[in-house]
Amino acid sequence: MLNDRSPAALGKSPTAPSWWPNSSGDPANCRRNANSHRRTALVASLATAAFLAAMPAGWSQTSVGRGAPDPLRVDVIVGSEGKGYFTGAGIPDDNIPVYAARDGATPAGVEALPVDIFTTDDFYLDEALWSDPRYYRCNSTVGLEQIWGAYEVPLIGDDPPASAAWGYCERDYPREEIVSPYGFATAGEHYRALLAETRERGGPTQYTQATLPDWNGRYVRQREKTASWIYGAVLQIPTYLSLLTPEYQRRLVQQMYHYSGNNSAQWPGSYCWPEGYMRRISQYGGGQSSFVMTPELILDIRNAAKTLITQIHIGREFDETGVVPRLGADVPQWFGDTIGFWDGEALITWTSNIQGWISHGQHEFSNRLQTIEVYTPRENANGEFIGLRHEIVLYDEEVFVEPVRIVHFLDKQFELNEGDPFLYMECVPQIFPVEGVATPIAPNQTFQYTLPDTFGRPWAQIWERHHEEGMQRPEEEDIFSFE
């Protein structure tokens, strides 16, 4: 059951979200407010004073931009999910799928829409319905991702896609638990404020190899389906859409349609495409990590279909003369450039210069994505180090109507030189998008397919070429137009 901060307790309706439309939380209003904030350049001292005056009740942390209370942790997922709450490979003997109705039935007390994402001929024309959870049959993003059996237990029914299962319309996650509590408009503003308060305390802390916090080790991230909103299982899709600008709402709905309506998912890992920055914090990507610590450079190394490495350069400063802050060439990098400093035992980082991409089951992100991340130690009742708290604030003015926050917990498993060696992952292509369908290709087989532009949303190129014939897709903005 949800606790007393659940959507039901907050008086939220699953079919008429309070934030969409015609409310103070309307995405358009949020975007205007965010743009208004961006026009205001706050000096660190003023930002600190304004922020501390608006701290949540009960917050004893006196930092300007870190350590807010952890986001609400709920106990239930939205569904539908064929493997229920199980997160491992294979199907357990006691597997209990999560769904409110299946095989063409509608949940009791819910009135189905005349058309939804499983029955539509053109999801673009259904934009007025995108804000209604019933358009997705109250499924979460990962609920739609798995519904054809991607997670081994399909819930699409015997007359697909019309017989697809429903999630629980009464379940959702509070939007206010997702947006950043810190009030900064940009990552640079956030980082400089944190650095200023650290300097007021005599920092940043300078470590030698002998005095550096001993975080070297192998970790596993807590990744229950209820552990974080970014995993996608605890929130309704319209709540997710409310975080996004109109263009990225359209992109997320496009992704959801091709998961559900025509079963044509285009997952980067299937084709050995790059994994992208956000994959490191996805539920099934980056779940295991190694930290390698030196005073000048810290490596956060994770695995998905490929190895994901974040290089944290301690004490360096960004070159801010280009499109976005960076360390090297003015060219986006798959995992960006990261700088950082220590405030006592808190490691504070700023990542910029990231290549825009996608992590399936999540929103797309742009080249403007920047993050502020704070790693702090966790201890048991005896004061012994047991892992890390990893707080992440995402800034992407093209994608989000306001910054959002994620908090993850990493449990230390063992030392770097214990257990099996960390596997460095390489991906050998064996599946190719032939005629828009992910097709396994055997060695020595000759075939023909169209190579999409890697830097032009290749997944969308495949969808639009092969799976959207006759749909009335909105015209792309003409960047050369002077009108």
Protein backbone atom coordinates (compact mmCIF):
# COMPACT_ATOMS: atom_id res chain seq x y z
CA MET A 1 0.00 0.00 0.00
CA LEU A 2 1.03 3.60 -0.57
CA ASN A 3 1.70 5.63 2.53
CA ASP A 4 -0.25 8.76 3.50
CA ARG A 5 1.57 10.81 0.85
CA SER A 6 0.09 8.68 -1.91
CA PRO A 7 -1.79 10.24 -4.86
CA ALA A 8 -5.06 9.07 -3.31
CA ALA A 9 -4.25 10.77 -0.03
CA LEU A 10 -3.26 13.90 -1.92
CA GLY A 11 -6.66 13.93 -3.61
CA LYS A 12 -5.39 13.25 -7.12
CA SER A 13 -7.63 11.66 -9.74
CA PRO A 14 -6.08 9.06 -12.02
CA THR A 15 -8.14 10.19 -15.00
CA ALA A 16 -8.04 13.95 -14.39
CA PRO A 17 -4.51 14.81 -13.21
CA SER A 18 -4.40 18.10 -11.29
CA TRP A 19 -1.50 19.35 -13.36
CA TRP A 20 -2.95 18.93 -16.87
CA PRO A 21 -4.42 21.07 -18.38
CA ASN A 22 -5.79 24.43 -17.09
CA SER A 23 -3.96 24.38 -13.78
CA SER A 24 -1.01 26.11 -12.23
CA GLY A 25 0.98 22.96 -13.00
CA ASP A 26 0.21 23.05 -16.73
CA PRO A 27 3.40 22.09 -18.65
CA ALA A 28 3.17 25.29 -20.68
CA ASN A 29 3.00 27.36 -17.50
CA CYS A 30 5.89 25.40 -16.01
CA ARG A 31 7.95 26.05 -19.12
CA ARG A 32 7.21 29.77 -19.00
CA ASN A 33 8.18 29.84 -15.33
CA ALA A 34 11.39 27.91 -16.04
CA ASN A 35 12.30 30.31 -18.84
CA SER A 36 11.61 33.22 -16.51
CA HIS A 37 14.01 31.74 -13.95
CA ARG A 38 16.66 31.28 -16.61
CA ARG A 39 16.62 35.01 -17.28
CA THR A 40 17.56 35.66 -13.67
CA ALA A 41 21.25 35.32 -12.88
CA LEU A 42 21.51 34.72 -9.13
CA VAL A 43 24.71 35.27 -7.23
CA ALA A 44 25.49 32.42 -4.88
CA SER A 45 24.72 34.29 -1.65
CA LEU A 46 21.27 35.41 -2.83
CA ALA A 47 20.48 31.94 -4.13
CA THR A 48 21.44 30.46 -0.79
CA ALA A 49 19.24 32.85 1.18
CA ALA A 50 16.23 32.34 -1.09
CA PHE A 51 16.62 28.58 -1.06
CA LEU A 52 17.03 28.18 2.68
CA ALA A 53 13.91 30.26 3.24
CA ALA A 54 11.93 27.73 1.20
CA MET A 55 13.38 24.51 2.63
CA PRO A 56 10.88 21.68 3.18
CA ALA A 57 9.56 21.31 6.70
CA GLY A 58 11.76 19.06 8.81
CA TRP A 59 14.81 19.49 6.63
CA SER A 60 17.80 19.89 8.94
CA GLN A 61 20.30 20.06 6.07
CA THR A 62 21.62 23.59 5.68
CA SER A 63 23.10 23.18 2.20
CA VAL A 64 21.95 25.36 -0.64
CA GLY A 65 21.74 22.51 -3.12
CA ARG A 66 22.14 19.03 -1.72
CA GLY A 67 20.80 16.69 0.92
CA ALA A 68 17.08 17.33 0.60
CA PRO A 69 14.90 14.55 2.00
CA ASP A 70 14.84 11.42 -0.13
CA PRO A 71 11.96 11.19 -2.61
CA LEU A 72 8.89 9.26 -1.55
CA ARG A 73 9.36 5.49 -1.71
CA VAL A 74 6.19 3.62 -2.64
CA ASP A 75 5.41 -0.07 -2.28
CA VAL A 76 3.45 -0.75 -5.45
CA ILE A 77 4.01 -0.46 -9.18
CA VAL A 78 1.49 0.78 -11.71
CA GLY A 79 1.71 -2.28 -13.96
CA SER A 80 1.06 -4.07 -16.07
CA GLU A 81 4.16 -6.24 -15.67
CA GLY A 82 4.30 -9.92 -16.57
CA LYS A 83 7.06 -10.65 -14.06
CA GLY A 84 5.49 -8.59 -11.33
CA TYR A 85 8.06 -7.25 -8.89
CA PHE A 86 10.77 -9.71 -9.89
CA THR A 87 13.86 -8.03 -11.37
CA GLY A 88 16.14 -10.94 -12.24
CA ALA A 89 16.54 -13.06 -15.36
CA GLY A 90 14.20 -15.98 -15.90
CA ILE A 91 10.72 -16.57 -14.50
CA PRO A 92 10.46 -17.56 -10.84
CA ASP A 93 8.23 -20.49 -9.93
CA ASP A 94 6.05 -18.25 -7.78
CA ASN A 95 5.81 -15.48 -10.35
CA ILE A 96 2.75 -13.24 -9.90
CA PRO A 97 2.07 -10.86 -12.81
CA VAL A 98 0.78 -7.39 -11.97
CA TYR A 99 -2.24 -6.18 -13.93
CA ALA A 100 -5.68 -4.72 -13.25
CA ALA A 101 -7.31 -6.56 -16.18
CA ARG A 102 -6.13 -8.59 -19.15
CA ASP A 103 -7.22 -10.39 -22.33
CA GLY A 104 -9.46 -7.59 -23.52
CA ALA A 105 -11.24 -6.95 -20.21
CA THR A 106 -11.49 -3.50 -18.62
CA PRO A 107 -10.89 -2.97 -14.88
CA ALA A 108 -13.98 -2.60 -12.73
CA GLY A 109 -15.00 1.02 -12.32
CA VAL A 110 -12.94 2.22 -15.31
CA GLU A 111 -14.53 3.43 -18.52
CA ALA A 112 -12.31 2.67 -21.48
CA LEU A 113 -11.75 5.33 -24.13
CA PRO A 114 -13.18 4.79 -27.63
CA VAL A 115 -9.61 4.68 -28.93
CA ASP A 116 -6.31 4.16 -27.14
CA ILE A 117 -2.67 3.56 -27.95
CA PHE A 118 -3.37 -0.11 -28.73
CA THR A 119 -6.23 0.53 -31.16
CA THR A 120 -5.42 3.89 -32.75
CA ASP A 121 -4.68 4.34 -36.43
CA ASP A 122 -2.68 7.51 -35.76
CA PHE A 123 -1.42 8.42 -32.30
CA TYR A 124 -0.42 11.89 -33.54
CA LEU A 125 -4.10 12.76 -34.01
CA ASP A 126 -4.87 11.63 -30.45
CA GLU A 127 -2.88 14.38 -28.75
CA ALA A 128 -5.94 15.51 -26.78
CA LEU A 129 -5.97 12.04 -25.17
CA TRP A 130 -2.28 11.87 -24.25
CA SER A 131 -3.00 13.42 -20.83
CA ASP A 132 -5.44 10.64 -19.91
CA PRO A 133 -3.90 7.52 -18.29
CA ARG A 134 -6.60 5.42 -19.94
CA TYR A 135 -5.09 6.18 -23.34
CA TYR A 136 -2.24 3.84 -22.28
CA ARG A 137 -4.63 1.54 -20.40
CA CYS A 138 -3.06 2.95 -17.25
CA ASN A 139 0.22 1.22 -18.05
CA SER A 140 3.56 2.68 -17.03
CA THR A 141 6.32 3.23 -19.58
CA VAL A 142 7.94 -0.09 -18.68
CA GLY A 143 4.52 -1.68 -18.59
CA LEU A 144 4.18 -0.88 -22.29
CA GLU A 145 7.79 -1.84 -22.94
CA GLN A 146 7.29 -5.37 -21.63
CA ILE A 147 3.74 -6.02 -22.77
CA TRP A 148 4.69 -8.09 -25.84
CA GLY A 149 7.04 -10.25 -23.75
CA ALA A 150 10.29 -8.31 -23.72
CA TYR A 151 10.65 -9.30 -20.04
CA GLU A 152 9.72 -12.94 -20.79
CA VAL A 153 6.04 -12.90 -19.71
CA PRO A 154 3.79 -11.23 -22.30
CA LEU A 155 0.51 -9.58 -21.33
CA ILE A 156 -0.63 -8.64 -24.82
CA GLY A 157 -3.45 -11.23 -24.85
CA ASP A 158 -4.73 -13.56 -27.57
CA ASP A 159 -6.02 -10.85 -29.92
CA PRO A 160 -3.14 -8.37 -29.98
CA PRO A 161 -2.82 -5.51 -29.65
CA ALA A 162 -6.49 -4.89 -28.77
CA SER A 163 -6.39 -7.50 -25.97
CA ALA A 164 -3.51 -5.84 -24.10
CA ALA A 165 -3.58 -5.74 -20.31
CA TRP A 166 -4.35 -2.77 -18.08
CA GLY A 167 -2.31 -1.32 -15.25
CA TYR A 168 -3.89 0.17 -12.14
CA CYS A 169 -5.47 3.56 -12.87
CA GLU A 170 -5.60 4.49 -9.18
CA ARG A 171 -1.83 4.20 -8.77
CA ASP A 172 0.55 7.02 -9.60
CA TYR A 173 3.56 8.87 -8.22
CA PRO A 174 3.44 12.48 -6.96
CA ARG A 175 4.99 14.87 -9.45
CA GLU A 176 6.30 17.07 -6.65
CA GLU A 177 8.51 14.17 -5.52
CA ILE A 178 10.22 14.19 -8.93
CA VAL A 179 11.01 17.85 -9.59
CA SER A 180 14.14 19.31 -8.03
CA PRO A 181 13.61 20.97 -4.64
CA TYR A 182 16.57 23.29 -5.07
CA GLY A 183 15.22 26.09 -7.23
CA PHE A 184 18.15 26.47 -9.62
CA ALA A 185 17.53 26.98 -13.32
CA THR A 186 20.86 25.66 -14.62
CA ALA A 187 23.49 23.14 -13.61
CA GLY A 188 26.17 25.85 -13.65
CA GLU A 189 24.19 27.98 -11.22
CA HIS A 190 23.70 24.95 -8.96
CA TYR A 191 27.37 23.93 -9.04
CA ARG A 192 28.67 27.44 -8.38
CA ALA A 193 26.34 27.83 -5.40
CA LEU A 194 27.56 24.55 -3.91
CA LEU A 195 31.16 25.57 -4.53
CA ALA A 196 30.57 28.98 -2.92
CA GLU A 197 29.15 27.47 0.27
CA THR A 198 32.03 25.01 0.38
CA ARG A 199 34.52 27.87 0.12
CA GLU A 200 32.73 29.69 2.95
CA ARG A 201 33.60 26.67 5.10
CA GLY A 202 37.26 26.78 4.01
CA GLY A 203 36.97 24.19 1.23
CA PRO A 204 37.08 22.52 -1.16
CA THR A 205 38.64 19.69 0.80
CA GLN A 206 42.03 18.64 -0.56
CA TYR A 207 42.91 14.97 -0.24
CA THR A 208 46.04 12.91 -0.76
CA GLN A 209 45.94 9.23 -1.64
CA ALA A 210 46.48 8.50 2.06
CA THR A 211 43.63 10.72 3.30
CA LEU A 212 41.14 10.18 0.46
CA PRO A 213 37.82 8.57 1.51
CA ASP A 214 38.18 4.85 0.85
CA TRP A 215 35.32 4.27 -1.55
CA ASN A 216 37.34 1.92 -3.76
CA GLY A 217 35.20 -1.11 -4.32
CA ARG A 218 32.46 -2.94 -6.16
CA TYR A 219 28.86 -1.83 -5.67
CA VAL A 220 25.37 -2.90 -6.62
CA ARG A 221 22.63 -0.32 -6.95
CA GLN A 222 19.31 -0.91 -5.23
CA ARG A 223 17.08 -1.47 -8.23
CA GLU A 224 13.76 -2.80 -7.06
CA LYS A 225 11.06 -1.58 -9.43
CA THR A 226 9.82 0.73 -6.67
CA ALA A 227 13.28 2.13 -5.89
CA SER A 228 13.17 5.16 -8.18
CA TRP A 229 10.70 6.97 -10.40
CA ILE A 230 13.26 6.97 -13.24
CA TYR A 231 12.85 3.18 -13.53
CA GLY A 232 9.39 3.96 -14.91
CA ALA A 233 7.30 1.44 -12.99
CA VAL A 234 5.65 3.65 -10.35
CA LEU A 235 4.17 6.53 -12.35
CA GLN A 236 1.48 6.95 -14.96
CA ILE A 237 2.63 8.09 -18.38
CA PRO A 238 0.74 11.43 -18.24
CA THR A 239 2.63 12.26 -15.04
CA TYR A 240 5.87 11.54 -16.91
CA LEU A 241 4.69 13.70 -19.82
CA SER A 242 4.02 16.61 -17.47
CA LEU A 243 7.77 16.85 -16.87
CA LEU A 244 8.52 17.30 -20.57
CA THR A 245 8.31 20.07 -23.13
CA PRO A 246 5.79 19.57 -25.96
CA GLU A 247 8.35 18.23 -28.44
CA TYR A 248 9.64 15.65 -25.99
CA GLN A 249 6.13 14.70 -24.97
CA ARG A 250 5.53 13.82 -28.60
CA ARG A 251 8.75 11.81 -28.72
CA LEU A 252 7.86 9.83 -25.61
CA VAL A 253 4.36 9.04 -26.91
CA GLN A 254 5.91 7.98 -30.23
CA GLN A 255 8.16 5.59 -28.32
CA MET A 256 5.23 4.26 -26.29
CA TYR A 257 3.15 3.64 -29.41
CA HIS A 258 5.87 1.61 -31.06
CA TYR A 259 6.29 -0.46 -27.91
CA SER A 260 2.60 -1.20 -27.71
CA GLY A 261 0.52 -0.58 -30.80
CA ASN A 262 2.77 -2.28 -33.34
CA ASN A 263 5.50 -4.04 -31.34
CA SER A 264 8.40 -2.36 -33.13
CA ALA A 265 10.71 -1.34 -30.30
CA GLN A 266 14.12 -0.14 -31.44
CA TRP A 267 16.40 -0.60 -28.44
CA PRO A 268 19.94 0.75 -28.89
CA GLY A 269 21.50 -2.24 -27.15
CA SER A 270 19.85 -4.64 -29.61
CA TYR A 271 21.92 -3.17 -32.44
CA CYS A 272 25.07 -2.43 -30.44
CA TRP A 273 24.40 1.27 -30.81
CA PRO A 274 25.82 3.52 -28.09
CA GLU A 275 24.12 3.19 -24.72
CA GLY A 276 24.14 6.90 -23.87
CA TYR A 277 24.58 8.79 -20.62
CA MET A 278 21.22 8.03 -19.02
CA ARG A 279 21.74 4.30 -19.34
CA ARG A 280 24.08 4.43 -16.36
CA ILE A 281 21.15 5.22 -14.06
CA SER A 282 18.49 3.03 -15.69
CA GLN A 283 17.05 0.09 -13.80
CA TYR A 284 18.75 -2.61 -15.86
CA GLY A 285 21.73 -0.52 -16.99
CA GLY A 286 24.59 0.37 -14.69
CA GLY A 287 23.25 -1.74 -11.85
CA GLN A 288 26.73 -2.88 -10.86
CA SER A 289 29.60 -0.45 -10.60
CA SER A 290 33.21 -0.10 -9.56
CA PHE A 291 34.71 3.01 -8.00
CA VAL A 292 38.43 3.66 -8.50
CA MET A 293 39.66 6.56 -6.39
CA THR A 294 42.62 8.90 -6.75
CA PRO A 295 42.95 12.52 -5.58
CA GLU A 296 42.94 13.84 -9.16
CA LEU A 297 40.63 11.43 -11.00
CA ILE A 298 37.78 9.18 -9.89
CA LEU A 299 36.32 6.49 -12.15
CA ASP A 300 32.68 5.42 -11.84
CA ILE A 301 32.58 2.31 -14.05
CA ARG A 302 29.31 0.54 -14.88
CA ASN A 303 28.03 -2.03 -17.34
CA ALA A 304 25.09 -2.43 -19.69
CA ALA A 305 25.45 -3.77 -23.24
CA LYS A 306 28.70 -1.81 -23.17
CA THR A 307 30.92 -0.51 -20.40
CA LEU A 308 29.90 2.93 -19.14
CA ILE A 309 32.67 5.07 -17.66
CA THR A 310 32.32 8.43 -15.93
CA GLN A 311 35.67 10.19 -15.39
CA ILE A 312 35.43 12.71 -12.56
CA HIS A 313 38.21 15.32 -12.83
CA ILE A 314 38.78 16.79 -9.37
CA GLY A 315 39.50 20.51 -9.19
CA ARG A 316 39.26 21.27 -12.90
CA GLU A 317 37.12 24.01 -14.43
CA PHE A 318 35.03 23.95 -17.59
CA ASP A 319 35.70 25.97 -20.72
CA GLU A 320 32.39 27.82 -21.06
CA THR A 321 33.07 29.57 -24.38
CA GLY A 322 31.24 27.02 -26.54
CA VAL A 323 27.70 25.79 -26.89
CA VAL A 324 27.85 24.03 -23.51
CA PRO A 325 30.56 23.85 -20.82
CA ARG A 326 33.25 21.30 -21.64
CA LEU A 327 36.79 20.11 -20.94
CA GLY A 328 37.99 19.16 -24.40
CA ALA A 329 36.82 19.79 -27.94
CA ASP A 330 33.45 21.48 -28.53
CA VAL A 331 31.99 18.12 -29.57
CA PRO A 332 29.40 16.22 -27.50
CA GLN A 333 30.68 13.07 -25.79
CA TRP A 334 28.62 9.96 -25.11
CA PHE A 335 29.25 10.24 -21.37
CA GLY A 336 30.03 13.92 -21.28
CA ASP A 337 32.80 15.71 -19.41
CA THR A 338 32.73 15.73 -15.60
CA ILE A 339 34.41 17.99 -13.06
CA GLY A 340 34.10 17.86 -9.31
CA PHE A 341 35.28 18.85 -5.87
CA TRP A 342 35.10 17.56 -2.31
CA ASP A 343 33.13 19.18 0.51
CA GLY A 344 34.32 17.06 3.40
CA GLU A 345 33.11 13.55 2.57
CA ALA A 346 30.67 14.75 -0.10
CA LEU A 347 31.82 14.39 -3.69
CA ILE A 348 30.05 17.00 -5.86
CA THR A 349 30.19 16.75 -9.65
CA TRP A 350 28.98 18.63 -12.72
CA THR A 351 28.63 16.79 -16.03
CA SER A 352 28.14 18.61 -19.34
CA ASN A 353 28.85 18.20 -23.08
CA ILE A 354 26.66 15.07 -23.31
CA GLN A 355 25.52 13.56 -26.60
CA GLY A 356 21.73 13.52 -26.78
CA TRP A 357 20.24 10.03 -27.01
CA ILE A 358 17.62 7.70 -25.55
CA SER A 359 17.43 5.05 -22.86
CA HIS A 360 14.52 2.79 -23.59
CA GLY A 361 11.56 3.09 -21.29
CA GLN A 362 12.63 6.67 -20.53
CA HIS A 363 12.39 10.05 -22.22
CA GLU A 364 14.85 11.13 -24.88
CA PHE A 365 17.46 13.65 -23.77
CA SER A 366 19.24 16.38 -25.73
CA ASN A 367 22.79 17.68 -26.12
CA ARG A 368 21.83 20.28 -23.51
CA LEU A 369 21.58 17.69 -20.74
CA GLN A 370 23.73 18.54 -17.73
CA THR A 371 23.76 16.96 -14.29
CA ILE A 372 24.74 17.83 -10.76
CA GLU A 373 25.54 14.68 -8.82
CA VAL A 374 26.42 14.29 -5.16
CA TYR A 375 27.92 11.12 -3.72
CA THR A 376 27.87 10.80 0.08
CA PRO A 377 28.79 7.84 2.32
CA ARG A 378 26.22 5.63 4.01
CA GLU A 379 26.94 3.91 7.32
CA ASN A 380 25.30 1.21 9.40
CA ALA A 381 24.36 1.52 13.07
CA ASN A 382 27.96 0.78 14.05
CA GLY A 383 29.32 3.62 11.94
CA GLU A 384 30.75 1.25 9.33
CA PHE A 385 30.77 2.28 5.66
CA ILE A 386 28.18 0.26 3.72
CA GLY A 387 27.75 2.18 0.47
CA LEU A 388 26.87 5.47 -1.19
CA ARG A 389 23.91 7.76 -1.58
CA HIS A 390 23.89 9.09 -5.15
CA GLU A 391 21.79 12.23 -5.64
CA ILE A 392 21.30 13.38 -9.23
CA VAL A 393 19.66 16.54 -10.56
CA LEU A 394 19.01 16.61 -14.31
CA TYR A 395 19.00 19.90 -16.20
CA ASP A 396 17.92 19.88 -19.85
CA GLU A 397 16.12 23.00 -21.01
CA GLU A 398 15.09 21.40 -24.30
CA VAL A 399 13.51 18.41 -22.57
CA PHE A 400 12.28 19.33 -19.08
CA VAL A 401 9.89 22.08 -18.08
CA GLU A 402 11.84 22.20 -14.82
CA PRO A 403 14.80 20.24 -13.41
CA VAL A 404 14.16 16.80 -11.94
CA ARG A 405 15.88 14.81 -9.20
CA ILE A 406 16.78 11.15 -8.67
CA VAL A 407 18.25 9.53 -5.55
CA HIS A 408 19.90 6.13 -5.79
CA PHE A 409 21.53 3.94 -3.15
CA LEU A 410 24.60 1.85 -3.87
CA ASP A 411 25.49 -1.05 -1.56
CA LYS A 412 29.13 -2.03 -1.35
CA GLN A 413 29.66 -5.70 -2.17
CA PHE A 414 33.39 -6.18 -1.87
CA GLU A 415 36.79 -4.68 -2.60
CA LEU A 416 38.09 -4.03 -6.10
CA ASN A 417 40.41 -7.02 -6.01
CA GLU A 418 37.84 -9.49 -4.65
CA GLY A 419 35.45 -11.71 -6.54
CA ASP A 420 35.34 -12.10 -10.29
CA PRO A 421 37.06 -9.32 -12.25
CA PHE A 422 34.87 -6.51 -13.53
CA LEU A 423 33.88 -7.41 -17.08
CA TYR A 424 34.73 -4.90 -19.77
CA MET A 425 31.80 -5.15 -22.15
CA GLU A 426 31.96 -5.03 -25.93
CA CYS A 427 28.88 -5.51 -28.08
CA VAL A 428 29.14 -7.62 -31.23
CA PRO A 429 26.28 -6.80 -33.66
CA GLN A 430 24.10 -9.79 -34.49
CA ILE A 431 20.73 -8.05 -34.86
CA PHE A 432 19.97 -5.43 -37.52
CA PRO A 433 16.89 -3.31 -38.35
CA VAL A 434 16.00 -4.97 -41.64
CA GLU A 435 12.87 -3.33 -43.12
CA GLY A 436 12.25 -1.76 -39.73
CA VAL A 437 12.25 -5.06 -37.83
CA ALA A 438 14.96 -6.18 -35.40
CA THR A 439 16.28 -9.21 -37.29
CA PRO A 440 18.94 -11.70 -36.11
CA ILE A 441 21.57 -12.26 -38.81
CA ALA A 442 23.70 -15.41 -38.87
CA PRO A 443 27.44 -15.31 -39.64
CA ASN A 444 28.27 -15.30 -43.36
CA GLN A 445 24.74 -14.22 -44.25
CA THR A 446 24.44 -11.44 -46.82
CA PHE A 447 21.61 -8.98 -46.35
CA GLN A 448 20.55 -5.47 -47.20
CA TYR A 449 19.26 -2.73 -44.94
CA THR A 450 19.26 1.05 -44.71
CA LEU A 451 21.81 2.47 -42.28
CA PRO A 452 20.15 5.24 -40.23
CA ASP A 453 21.92 8.43 -39.22
CA THR A 454 23.30 7.76 -35.75
CA PHE A 455 23.05 11.41 -34.75
CA GLY A 456 19.54 11.94 -36.11
CA ARG A 457 17.35 9.84 -33.78
CA PRO A 458 17.95 6.55 -35.63
CA TRP A 459 15.12 4.78 -33.76
CA ALA A 460 12.65 7.41 -34.96
CA GLN A 461 13.99 7.21 -38.52
CA ILE A 462 13.14 3.50 -38.54
CA TRP A 463 9.68 4.07 -37.07
CA GLU A 464 8.82 6.88 -39.43
CA ARG A 465 10.12 5.08 -42.52
CA HIS A 466 8.57 1.67 -41.86
CA HIS A 467 5.80 1.95 -39.28
CA GLU A 468 4.04 5.30 -39.63
CA GLU A 469 2.79 5.20 -43.20
CA GLY A 470 -0.32 7.35 -43.58
CA MET A 471 0.05 8.99 -40.17
CA GLN A 472 -0.17 12.77 -39.95
CA ARG A 473 3.12 13.49 -38.28
CA PRO A 474 3.62 17.16 -37.35
CA GLU A 475 6.00 19.00 -39.64
CA GLU A 476 9.49 19.47 -38.29
CA GLU A 477 10.43 23.04 -37.45
CA ASP A 478 12.37 24.71 -40.28
CA ILE A 479 15.49 25.98 -38.55
CA PHE A 480 16.33 28.08 -41.61
CA SER A 481 12.99 29.92 -41.59
CA PHE A 482 13.11 33.64 -40.72
CA GLU A 483 9.36 33.93 -40.21
